[in-house]
């Protein structure tokens, strides 16, 4: 993203990890806020079932029974533990050239929010992995493109919802997109 500060050695480390692990198709590093706290830069895919259950609030109200439906990786220390993840955010998304040639670039139908999810879904379908490694880091200032002084909140929300429907349509089909649209109305 344009609102990031890449820390020294970040790219070198990430390229080294990808060189050592050729099945990693895309990866990210630790994303820090301005104050040094760790951002959530990786999640589980928002499958239709997860989205429907999350709209009820059950994963947070009754975590013991429905925590599995959250897109969060509960109990994972993003500050210290590297791991494969379903998808990494676009604030820092390093892509293997071979994987990019195989799956294509980011889908331009997404204006905002969701192109990274859909891209990582294609990466996994093509037999590659998405990986997060906190040994390298950037500072992600966050929200520069969707700053309230530049974009009205209802417009930002509309782009977000459009992205959610596109994720469902592109990753899980038209029926999933319709079902999720119905649940979020």
N, C-alpha and C. Protein backbone atom coordinates (compact mmCIF):
# COMPACT_ATOMS: atom_id res chain seq x y z
N UNK A 1 0.83 -1.20 0.00
CA UNK A 1 0.00 0.00 0.00
C UNK A 1 0.87 1.25 0.00
N UNK A 2 0.28 2.32 -0.41
CA UNK A 2 1.00 3.59 -0.42
C UNK A 2 1.17 4.16 0.97
N UNK A 3 0.44 3.64 1.95
CA UNK A 3 0.54 4.16 3.32
C UNK A 3 1.33 3.22 4.22
N UNK A 4 2.45 2.71 3.69
CA UNK A 4 3.30 1.81 4.46
C UNK A 4 4.74 2.32 4.50
N UNK A 5 5.43 1.96 5.56
CA UNK A 5 6.85 2.24 5.71
C UNK A 5 7.53 0.88 5.83
N UNK A 6 8.34 0.53 4.85
CA UNK A 6 9.00 -0.77 4.83
C UNK A 6 10.27 -0.68 5.69
N UNK A 7 10.37 -1.56 6.68
CA UNK A 7 11.49 -1.54 7.60
C UNK A 7 12.73 -2.18 6.96
N UNK A 8 13.92 -1.78 7.39
CA UNK A 8 15.15 -2.34 6.82
C UNK A 8 15.19 -3.87 6.92
N UNK A 9 15.59 -4.50 5.84
CA UNK A 9 15.74 -5.95 5.80
C UNK A 9 14.45 -6.71 5.52
N UNK A 10 13.32 -6.02 5.47
CA UNK A 10 12.03 -6.68 5.29
C UNK A 10 11.98 -7.46 3.97
N UNK A 11 12.24 -6.80 2.88
CA UNK A 11 12.16 -7.45 1.57
C UNK A 11 13.19 -8.58 1.46
N UNK A 12 14.39 -8.33 1.95
CA UNK A 12 15.44 -9.35 1.89
C UNK A 12 14.99 -10.61 2.62
N UNK A 13 14.44 -10.44 3.82
CA UNK A 13 13.98 -11.59 4.60
C UNK A 13 12.86 -12.34 3.88
N UNK A 14 11.86 -11.62 3.41
CA UNK A 14 10.70 -12.26 2.76
C UNK A 14 11.11 -12.99 1.49
N UNK A 15 11.99 -12.41 0.72
CA UNK A 15 12.46 -13.07 -0.50
C UNK A 15 13.24 -14.34 -0.14
N UNK A 16 14.02 -14.27 0.93
CA UNK A 16 14.77 -15.44 1.39
C UNK A 16 13.82 -16.57 1.80
N UNK A 17 12.75 -16.23 2.52
CA UNK A 17 11.76 -17.24 2.92
C UNK A 17 11.14 -17.87 1.69
N UNK A 18 10.77 -17.05 0.72
CA UNK A 18 10.15 -17.58 -0.49
C UNK A 18 11.14 -18.42 -1.31
N UNK A 19 12.41 -18.02 -1.33
CA UNK A 19 13.42 -18.82 -2.02
C UNK A 19 13.58 -20.19 -1.37
N UNK A 20 13.50 -20.23 -0.03
CA UNK A 20 13.66 -21.49 0.71
C UNK A 20 12.42 -22.38 0.64
N UNK A 21 11.25 -21.78 0.37
CA UNK A 21 9.99 -22.53 0.36
C UNK A 21 9.24 -22.25 -0.94
N UNK A 22 9.56 -22.98 -2.00
CA UNK A 22 9.00 -22.67 -3.32
C UNK A 22 7.49 -22.84 -3.45
N UNK A 23 6.82 -23.46 -2.50
CA UNK A 23 5.36 -23.60 -2.58
C UNK A 23 4.64 -22.39 -1.99
N UNK A 24 5.37 -21.46 -1.41
CA UNK A 24 4.73 -20.21 -0.97
C UNK A 24 4.51 -19.36 -2.21
N UNK A 25 3.25 -19.06 -2.49
CA UNK A 25 2.91 -18.25 -3.66
C UNK A 25 2.74 -16.79 -3.30
N UNK A 26 2.35 -16.53 -2.06
CA UNK A 26 2.16 -15.16 -1.59
C UNK A 26 2.46 -15.13 -0.10
N UNK A 27 3.01 -14.02 0.35
CA UNK A 27 3.29 -13.92 1.77
C UNK A 27 3.21 -12.48 2.26
N UNK A 28 3.13 -12.38 3.57
CA UNK A 28 3.13 -11.08 4.23
C UNK A 28 4.02 -11.15 5.44
N UNK A 29 4.26 -9.99 5.99
CA UNK A 29 5.10 -9.87 7.18
C UNK A 29 4.25 -9.26 8.30
N UNK A 30 4.90 -8.97 9.42
CA UNK A 30 4.21 -8.33 10.53
C UNK A 30 3.87 -6.89 10.15
N UNK A 31 2.62 -6.51 10.35
CA UNK A 31 2.16 -5.15 10.09
C UNK A 31 2.01 -4.44 11.43
N UNK A 32 2.67 -3.31 11.54
CA UNK A 32 2.62 -2.54 12.78
C UNK A 32 1.83 -1.26 12.59
N UNK A 33 1.11 -0.86 13.63
CA UNK A 33 0.46 0.45 13.65
C UNK A 33 1.51 1.50 13.95
N UNK A 34 1.13 2.75 13.85
CA UNK A 34 2.05 3.86 14.17
C UNK A 34 2.65 3.71 15.55
N UNK A 35 1.86 3.21 16.51
CA UNK A 35 2.32 3.10 17.89
C UNK A 35 3.10 1.81 18.17
N UNK A 36 3.32 1.00 17.13
CA UNK A 36 4.10 -0.23 17.28
C UNK A 36 3.29 -1.46 17.62
N UNK A 37 1.99 -1.34 17.84
CA UNK A 37 1.16 -2.51 18.09
C UNK A 37 0.96 -3.28 16.79
N UNK A 38 0.69 -4.57 16.94
CA UNK A 38 0.58 -5.45 15.78
C UNK A 38 -0.85 -5.43 15.21
N UNK A 39 -0.93 -5.25 13.90
CA UNK A 39 -2.21 -5.32 13.19
C UNK A 39 -2.49 -6.77 12.80
N UNK A 40 -3.74 -7.04 12.54
CA UNK A 40 -4.11 -8.36 12.03
C UNK A 40 -3.93 -8.31 10.52
N UNK A 41 -2.94 -9.01 10.01
CA UNK A 41 -2.64 -8.97 8.59
C UNK A 41 -2.95 -10.25 7.86
N UNK A 42 -3.62 -11.21 8.55
CA UNK A 42 -3.91 -12.50 7.94
C UNK A 42 -5.16 -13.08 8.58
N UNK A 43 -5.97 -13.73 7.77
CA UNK A 43 -7.25 -14.26 8.24
C UNK A 43 -7.59 -15.58 7.56
N UNK A 44 -8.70 -16.16 8.03
CA UNK A 44 -9.28 -17.33 7.38
C UNK A 44 -10.27 -16.84 6.32
N UNK A 45 -10.49 -17.67 5.31
CA UNK A 45 -11.40 -17.27 4.24
C UNK A 45 -12.82 -17.05 4.77
N UNK A 46 -13.49 -16.02 4.25
CA UNK A 46 -14.88 -15.77 4.63
C UNK A 46 -15.82 -16.66 3.81
N UNK A 47 -15.84 -17.94 4.14
CA UNK A 47 -16.71 -18.87 3.41
C UNK A 47 -18.16 -18.43 3.61
N UNK A 48 -19.05 -18.86 2.74
CA UNK A 48 -20.46 -18.48 2.91
C UNK A 48 -21.00 -18.84 4.30
N UNK A 49 -20.66 -20.03 4.79
CA UNK A 49 -21.14 -20.43 6.11
C UNK A 49 -20.59 -19.52 7.20
N UNK A 50 -19.30 -19.21 7.14
CA UNK A 50 -18.72 -18.30 8.13
C UNK A 50 -19.41 -16.94 8.10
N UNK A 51 -19.61 -16.40 6.92
CA UNK A 51 -20.24 -15.08 6.80
C UNK A 51 -21.65 -15.11 7.38
N UNK A 52 -22.42 -16.15 7.05
CA UNK A 52 -23.80 -16.22 7.55
C UNK A 52 -23.82 -16.31 9.07
N UNK A 53 -22.96 -17.13 9.65
CA UNK A 53 -22.95 -17.27 11.11
C UNK A 53 -22.43 -15.99 11.76
N UNK A 54 -21.44 -15.35 11.15
CA UNK A 54 -20.92 -14.10 11.73
C UNK A 54 -21.96 -12.99 11.72
N UNK A 55 -22.87 -12.98 10.75
CA UNK A 55 -23.90 -11.94 10.74
C UNK A 55 -24.82 -12.05 11.94
N UNK A 56 -24.87 -13.22 12.57
CA UNK A 56 -25.69 -13.40 13.77
C UNK A 56 -24.96 -12.96 15.04
N UNK A 57 -23.64 -12.82 14.94
CA UNK A 57 -22.85 -12.47 16.12
C UNK A 57 -22.49 -13.66 16.99
N UNK A 58 -22.90 -14.86 16.60
CA UNK A 58 -22.67 -16.05 17.43
C UNK A 58 -21.19 -16.35 17.71
N UNK A 59 -20.27 -16.13 16.77
CA UNK A 59 -18.87 -16.43 17.09
C UNK A 59 -18.32 -15.61 18.27
N UNK A 60 -18.94 -14.49 18.56
CA UNK A 60 -18.47 -13.65 19.66
C UNK A 60 -19.34 -13.82 20.90
N UNK A 61 -20.61 -14.13 20.71
CA UNK A 61 -21.52 -14.33 21.85
C UNK A 61 -21.37 -15.72 22.46
N UNK A 62 -21.09 -16.69 21.61
CA UNK A 62 -21.01 -18.08 22.05
C UNK A 62 -19.78 -18.72 21.40
N UNK A 63 -18.63 -18.23 21.82
CA UNK A 63 -17.37 -18.62 21.19
C UNK A 63 -17.08 -20.11 21.28
N UNK A 64 -17.49 -20.73 22.38
CA UNK A 64 -17.22 -22.17 22.55
C UNK A 64 -17.87 -23.00 21.45
N UNK A 65 -19.06 -22.61 21.02
CA UNK A 65 -19.76 -23.36 19.99
C UNK A 65 -19.52 -22.84 18.58
N UNK A 66 -19.35 -21.53 18.43
CA UNK A 66 -19.30 -20.94 17.09
C UNK A 66 -18.01 -20.19 16.78
N UNK A 67 -17.02 -20.28 17.66
CA UNK A 67 -15.75 -19.59 17.41
C UNK A 67 -15.09 -20.01 16.11
N UNK A 68 -15.35 -21.25 15.68
CA UNK A 68 -14.79 -21.77 14.43
C UNK A 68 -15.25 -20.96 13.23
N UNK A 69 -16.37 -20.25 13.35
CA UNK A 69 -16.92 -19.52 12.20
C UNK A 69 -16.27 -18.15 12.01
N UNK A 70 -15.52 -17.71 12.98
CA UNK A 70 -14.84 -16.41 12.85
C UNK A 70 -13.74 -16.51 11.81
N UNK A 71 -13.45 -15.40 11.16
CA UNK A 71 -12.33 -15.37 10.22
C UNK A 71 -11.01 -15.11 10.95
N UNK A 72 -11.08 -14.92 12.25
CA UNK A 72 -9.88 -14.71 13.07
C UNK A 72 -9.17 -16.04 13.30
N UNK A 73 -7.87 -15.97 13.50
CA UNK A 73 -7.11 -17.12 13.97
C UNK A 73 -6.94 -16.92 15.47
N UNK A 74 -7.86 -17.45 16.26
CA UNK A 74 -7.81 -17.28 17.72
C UNK A 74 -6.63 -18.05 18.31
N UNK A 75 -5.97 -17.43 19.27
CA UNK A 75 -4.87 -18.08 19.95
C UNK A 75 -3.54 -18.03 19.23
N UNK A 76 -3.48 -17.31 18.13
CA UNK A 76 -2.24 -17.22 17.36
C UNK A 76 -1.52 -15.93 17.73
N UNK A 77 -0.25 -16.04 18.06
CA UNK A 77 0.57 -14.87 18.40
C UNK A 77 1.22 -14.32 17.13
N UNK A 78 0.55 -13.38 16.49
CA UNK A 78 1.03 -12.79 15.23
C UNK A 78 2.37 -12.06 15.40
N UNK A 79 2.69 -11.74 16.62
CA UNK A 79 3.93 -11.02 16.89
C UNK A 79 5.15 -11.94 16.82
N UNK A 80 4.93 -13.24 17.04
CA UNK A 80 6.07 -14.15 17.14
C UNK A 80 6.01 -15.39 16.26
N UNK A 81 4.81 -15.81 15.85
CA UNK A 81 4.67 -17.10 15.16
C UNK A 81 4.40 -16.94 13.66
N UNK A 82 5.23 -17.58 12.85
CA UNK A 82 4.95 -17.63 11.42
C UNK A 82 4.05 -18.82 11.16
N UNK A 83 3.29 -18.75 10.08
CA UNK A 83 2.39 -19.84 9.75
C UNK A 83 1.77 -19.62 8.39
N UNK A 84 1.26 -20.70 7.81
CA UNK A 84 0.45 -20.59 6.61
C UNK A 84 -0.93 -20.10 7.04
N UNK A 85 -1.53 -19.27 6.21
CA UNK A 85 -2.83 -18.69 6.48
C UNK A 85 -3.67 -18.77 5.22
N UNK A 86 -4.99 -18.58 5.36
CA UNK A 86 -5.84 -18.58 4.17
C UNK A 86 -5.53 -17.39 3.28
N UNK A 87 -5.49 -16.19 3.89
CA UNK A 87 -5.20 -15.01 3.07
C UNK A 87 -4.47 -13.95 3.88
N UNK A 88 -3.66 -13.20 3.16
CA UNK A 88 -2.92 -12.09 3.76
C UNK A 88 -3.42 -10.79 3.13
N UNK A 89 -3.43 -9.75 3.94
CA UNK A 89 -3.92 -8.45 3.48
C UNK A 89 -2.99 -7.80 2.48
N UNK A 90 -3.57 -6.93 1.68
CA UNK A 90 -2.83 -6.28 0.61
C UNK A 90 -1.90 -5.16 1.05
N UNK A 91 -1.89 -4.82 2.33
CA UNK A 91 -0.97 -3.76 2.78
C UNK A 91 0.47 -4.15 2.48
N UNK A 92 0.78 -5.44 2.63
CA UNK A 92 2.07 -5.99 2.23
C UNK A 92 1.79 -7.38 1.69
N UNK A 93 1.90 -7.54 0.40
CA UNK A 93 1.60 -8.80 -0.27
C UNK A 93 2.71 -9.07 -1.28
N UNK A 94 3.62 -9.94 -0.90
CA UNK A 94 4.72 -10.32 -1.79
C UNK A 94 4.29 -11.56 -2.56
N UNK A 95 4.38 -11.49 -3.87
CA UNK A 95 3.84 -12.55 -4.72
C UNK A 95 4.97 -13.17 -5.55
N UNK A 96 5.01 -14.49 -5.55
CA UNK A 96 5.98 -15.22 -6.37
C UNK A 96 5.62 -15.03 -7.85
N UNK A 97 6.60 -14.72 -8.68
CA UNK A 97 6.34 -14.47 -10.11
C UNK A 97 5.68 -15.68 -10.78
N UNK A 98 6.14 -16.86 -10.48
CA UNK A 98 5.57 -18.08 -11.06
C UNK A 98 4.09 -18.22 -10.69
N UNK A 99 3.75 -17.91 -9.45
CA UNK A 99 2.35 -17.98 -9.01
C UNK A 99 1.53 -16.90 -9.71
N UNK A 100 2.09 -15.72 -9.83
CA UNK A 100 1.40 -14.63 -10.51
C UNK A 100 1.12 -14.99 -11.97
N UNK A 101 2.10 -15.61 -12.63
CA UNK A 101 1.90 -16.05 -14.01
C UNK A 101 0.79 -17.09 -14.11
N UNK A 102 0.70 -17.93 -13.10
CA UNK A 102 -0.28 -19.02 -13.12
C UNK A 102 -1.70 -18.54 -12.77
N UNK A 103 -1.84 -17.66 -11.77
CA UNK A 103 -3.19 -17.28 -11.31
C UNK A 103 -3.65 -15.92 -11.83
N UNK A 104 -2.74 -15.14 -12.38
CA UNK A 104 -3.11 -13.80 -12.84
C UNK A 104 -3.01 -12.79 -11.70
N UNK A 105 -3.20 -11.54 -12.03
CA UNK A 105 -3.07 -10.47 -11.05
C UNK A 105 -4.33 -10.25 -10.23
N UNK A 106 -4.33 -9.15 -9.51
CA UNK A 106 -5.49 -8.79 -8.71
C UNK A 106 -6.67 -8.48 -9.64
N UNK A 107 -7.85 -8.87 -9.22
CA UNK A 107 -9.06 -8.70 -10.01
C UNK A 107 -9.49 -7.24 -9.97
N UNK A 108 -9.52 -6.60 -11.12
CA UNK A 108 -9.82 -5.16 -11.20
C UNK A 108 -11.29 -4.84 -10.97
N UNK A 109 -12.14 -5.86 -10.86
CA UNK A 109 -13.55 -5.60 -10.54
C UNK A 109 -13.72 -5.11 -9.10
N UNK A 110 -12.71 -5.36 -8.27
CA UNK A 110 -12.74 -4.88 -6.89
C UNK A 110 -12.24 -3.45 -6.88
N UNK A 111 -13.06 -2.54 -6.36
CA UNK A 111 -12.60 -1.15 -6.23
C UNK A 111 -11.78 -1.03 -4.95
N UNK A 112 -12.30 -1.58 -3.91
CA UNK A 112 -11.69 -1.58 -2.58
C UNK A 112 -12.09 -2.85 -1.87
N UNK A 113 -11.30 -3.30 -0.95
CA UNK A 113 -11.71 -4.34 -0.01
C UNK A 113 -12.08 -5.66 -0.66
N UNK A 114 -11.20 -6.59 -0.63
CA UNK A 114 -11.52 -7.94 -1.05
C UNK A 114 -10.65 -8.51 -2.15
N UNK A 115 -9.95 -7.66 -2.88
CA UNK A 115 -9.13 -8.18 -3.97
C UNK A 115 -8.02 -9.09 -3.45
N UNK A 116 -7.52 -8.83 -2.24
CA UNK A 116 -6.48 -9.67 -1.66
C UNK A 116 -7.04 -11.03 -1.25
N UNK A 117 -8.27 -11.05 -0.74
CA UNK A 117 -8.91 -12.31 -0.35
C UNK A 117 -9.09 -13.19 -1.59
N UNK A 118 -9.68 -12.62 -2.62
CA UNK A 118 -9.96 -13.37 -3.84
C UNK A 118 -8.65 -13.84 -4.49
N UNK A 119 -7.63 -12.99 -4.49
CA UNK A 119 -6.34 -13.37 -5.06
C UNK A 119 -5.74 -14.55 -4.31
N UNK A 120 -5.74 -14.50 -2.99
CA UNK A 120 -5.16 -15.58 -2.19
C UNK A 120 -5.97 -16.88 -2.36
N UNK A 121 -7.25 -16.75 -2.59
CA UNK A 121 -8.07 -17.93 -2.86
C UNK A 121 -7.59 -18.61 -4.14
N UNK A 122 -7.28 -17.83 -5.16
CA UNK A 122 -6.74 -18.39 -6.41
C UNK A 122 -5.36 -19.00 -6.19
N UNK A 123 -4.56 -18.38 -5.33
CA UNK A 123 -3.22 -18.90 -5.03
C UNK A 123 -3.33 -20.30 -4.44
N UNK A 124 -4.21 -20.47 -3.46
CA UNK A 124 -4.40 -21.79 -2.85
C UNK A 124 -4.94 -22.79 -3.87
N UNK A 125 -5.92 -22.37 -4.68
CA UNK A 125 -6.49 -23.29 -5.68
C UNK A 125 -5.44 -23.75 -6.68
N UNK A 126 -4.44 -22.92 -6.93
CA UNK A 126 -3.38 -23.27 -7.87
C UNK A 126 -2.29 -24.15 -7.24
N UNK A 127 -2.45 -24.49 -5.97
CA UNK A 127 -1.50 -25.39 -5.32
C UNK A 127 -0.37 -24.70 -4.57
N UNK A 128 -0.46 -23.40 -4.41
CA UNK A 128 0.54 -22.66 -3.64
C UNK A 128 0.00 -22.39 -2.24
N UNK A 129 0.86 -21.87 -1.38
CA UNK A 129 0.47 -21.52 -0.01
C UNK A 129 0.55 -20.01 0.15
N UNK A 130 -0.20 -19.51 1.11
CA UNK A 130 -0.07 -18.12 1.57
C UNK A 130 0.55 -18.20 2.96
N UNK A 131 1.51 -17.34 3.21
CA UNK A 131 2.31 -17.47 4.42
C UNK A 131 2.47 -16.10 5.09
N UNK A 132 2.54 -16.13 6.42
CA UNK A 132 2.77 -14.94 7.23
C UNK A 132 4.03 -15.17 8.04
N UNK A 133 4.94 -14.18 8.04
CA UNK A 133 6.18 -14.31 8.79
C UNK A 133 6.46 -13.01 9.54
N UNK A 134 6.41 -13.05 10.88
CA UNK A 134 6.62 -11.84 11.67
C UNK A 134 8.08 -11.44 11.86
N UNK A 135 9.02 -12.21 11.29
CA UNK A 135 10.43 -11.88 11.44
C UNK A 135 10.80 -10.62 10.66
N UNK A 136 9.95 -10.23 9.72
CA UNK A 136 10.12 -8.98 8.97
C UNK A 136 8.89 -8.13 9.25
N UNK A 137 9.03 -6.82 9.11
CA UNK A 137 7.88 -5.97 9.43
C UNK A 137 7.85 -4.68 8.61
N UNK A 138 6.64 -4.12 8.56
CA UNK A 138 6.41 -2.80 8.00
C UNK A 138 5.53 -2.04 8.98
N UNK A 139 5.47 -0.74 8.82
CA UNK A 139 4.47 0.05 9.52
C UNK A 139 3.40 0.39 8.51
N UNK A 140 2.18 0.02 8.84
CA UNK A 140 1.03 0.31 7.97
C UNK A 140 0.24 1.43 8.63
N UNK A 141 0.32 2.60 8.04
CA UNK A 141 -0.34 3.77 8.63
C UNK A 141 -1.85 3.60 8.60
N UNK A 142 -2.35 2.92 7.59
CA UNK A 142 -3.75 2.51 7.54
C UNK A 142 -4.74 3.58 7.20
N UNK A 143 -5.63 3.23 6.30
CA UNK A 143 -6.76 4.07 5.98
C UNK A 143 -6.49 5.28 5.12
N UNK A 144 -5.33 5.42 4.55
CA UNK A 144 -5.03 6.60 3.75
C UNK A 144 -5.95 6.71 2.54
N UNK A 145 -6.22 5.59 1.91
CA UNK A 145 -7.07 5.62 0.71
C UNK A 145 -8.54 5.81 1.05
N UNK A 146 -8.93 5.36 2.24
CA UNK A 146 -10.34 5.48 2.61
C UNK A 146 -10.55 6.47 3.75
N UNK A 147 -9.63 7.39 3.89
CA UNK A 147 -9.71 8.43 4.92
C UNK A 147 -11.05 9.17 4.81
N UNK A 148 -11.74 9.39 5.94
CA UNK A 148 -13.04 10.07 5.91
C UNK A 148 -13.01 11.45 5.26
N UNK A 149 -11.85 12.10 5.22
CA UNK A 149 -11.77 13.40 4.55
C UNK A 149 -11.72 13.24 3.04
N UNK A 150 -11.43 12.01 2.58
CA UNK A 150 -11.34 11.75 1.14
C UNK A 150 -12.52 10.93 0.62
N UNK A 151 -13.16 10.16 1.53
CA UNK A 151 -14.25 9.29 1.10
C UNK A 151 -15.32 9.26 2.20
N UNK A 152 -16.53 9.60 1.84
CA UNK A 152 -17.65 9.60 2.77
C UNK A 152 -17.86 8.18 3.29
N UNK A 153 -18.21 8.04 4.56
CA UNK A 153 -18.32 6.71 5.17
C UNK A 153 -19.33 5.80 4.46
N UNK A 154 -20.45 6.34 3.98
CA UNK A 154 -21.42 5.48 3.31
C UNK A 154 -20.87 4.97 1.98
N UNK A 155 -20.03 5.75 1.32
CA UNK A 155 -19.39 5.29 0.08
C UNK A 155 -18.38 4.19 0.41
N UNK A 156 -17.62 4.38 1.47
CA UNK A 156 -16.65 3.37 1.90
C UNK A 156 -17.39 2.08 2.25
N UNK A 157 -18.50 2.18 2.97
CA UNK A 157 -19.29 1.01 3.33
C UNK A 157 -19.84 0.30 2.09
N UNK A 158 -20.28 1.08 1.11
CA UNK A 158 -20.79 0.49 -0.14
C UNK A 158 -19.69 -0.29 -0.85
N UNK A 159 -18.49 0.27 -0.89
CA UNK A 159 -17.36 -0.44 -1.52
C UNK A 159 -17.03 -1.72 -0.74
N UNK A 160 -17.10 -1.63 0.58
CA UNK A 160 -16.82 -2.80 1.41
C UNK A 160 -17.83 -3.91 1.11
N UNK A 161 -19.11 -3.57 1.10
CA UNK A 161 -20.14 -4.58 0.84
C UNK A 161 -20.04 -5.14 -0.57
N UNK A 162 -19.75 -4.29 -1.54
CA UNK A 162 -19.57 -4.76 -2.90
C UNK A 162 -18.41 -5.76 -2.96
N UNK A 163 -17.33 -5.46 -2.24
CA UNK A 163 -16.19 -6.37 -2.18
C UNK A 163 -16.56 -7.71 -1.57
N UNK A 164 -17.38 -7.68 -0.51
CA UNK A 164 -17.81 -8.93 0.13
C UNK A 164 -18.62 -9.80 -0.82
N UNK A 165 -19.51 -9.17 -1.59
CA UNK A 165 -20.31 -9.93 -2.56
C UNK A 165 -19.43 -10.48 -3.68
N UNK A 166 -18.48 -9.67 -4.14
CA UNK A 166 -17.57 -10.14 -5.19
C UNK A 166 -16.72 -11.31 -4.72
N UNK A 167 -16.26 -11.27 -3.47
CA UNK A 167 -15.49 -12.40 -2.92
C UNK A 167 -16.33 -13.67 -3.02
N UNK A 168 -17.56 -13.58 -2.55
CA UNK A 168 -18.42 -14.76 -2.56
C UNK A 168 -18.65 -15.25 -3.99
N UNK A 169 -18.94 -14.34 -4.88
CA UNK A 169 -19.23 -14.71 -6.27
C UNK A 169 -18.01 -15.33 -6.94
N UNK A 170 -16.85 -14.71 -6.78
CA UNK A 170 -15.65 -15.18 -7.47
C UNK A 170 -15.09 -16.46 -6.83
N UNK A 171 -15.20 -16.59 -5.51
CA UNK A 171 -14.61 -17.75 -4.83
C UNK A 171 -15.58 -18.91 -4.66
N UNK A 172 -16.87 -18.62 -4.48
CA UNK A 172 -17.82 -19.67 -4.12
C UNK A 172 -19.04 -19.75 -5.03
N UNK A 173 -19.19 -18.81 -5.97
CA UNK A 173 -20.27 -18.89 -6.94
C UNK A 173 -21.42 -17.92 -6.68
N UNK A 174 -22.30 -17.83 -7.67
CA UNK A 174 -23.41 -16.88 -7.63
C UNK A 174 -24.38 -17.18 -6.49
N UNK A 175 -24.63 -18.46 -6.21
CA UNK A 175 -25.56 -18.81 -5.14
C UNK A 175 -25.03 -18.31 -3.79
N UNK A 176 -23.73 -18.46 -3.56
CA UNK A 176 -23.13 -17.98 -2.31
C UNK A 176 -23.26 -16.47 -2.20
N UNK A 177 -23.02 -15.78 -3.30
CA UNK A 177 -23.13 -14.31 -3.28
C UNK A 177 -24.56 -13.89 -2.95
N UNK A 178 -25.54 -14.55 -3.53
CA UNK A 178 -26.94 -14.23 -3.26
C UNK A 178 -27.30 -14.52 -1.80
N UNK A 179 -26.84 -15.63 -1.30
CA UNK A 179 -27.11 -16.01 0.09
C UNK A 179 -26.51 -15.01 1.06
N UNK A 180 -25.28 -14.62 0.82
CA UNK A 180 -24.63 -13.65 1.70
C UNK A 180 -25.31 -12.29 1.59
N UNK A 181 -25.69 -11.89 0.41
CA UNK A 181 -26.41 -10.62 0.23
C UNK A 181 -27.70 -10.63 1.05
N UNK A 182 -28.42 -11.75 1.00
CA UNK A 182 -29.67 -11.88 1.74
C UNK A 182 -29.42 -11.78 3.25
N UNK A 183 -28.34 -12.41 3.74
CA UNK A 183 -28.03 -12.40 5.17
C UNK A 183 -27.61 -11.03 5.68
N UNK A 184 -27.02 -10.23 4.82
CA UNK A 184 -26.49 -8.94 5.27
C UNK A 184 -27.42 -7.78 5.00
N UNK A 185 -28.62 -8.05 4.54
CA UNK A 185 -29.57 -6.97 4.29
C UNK A 185 -30.26 -6.59 5.56
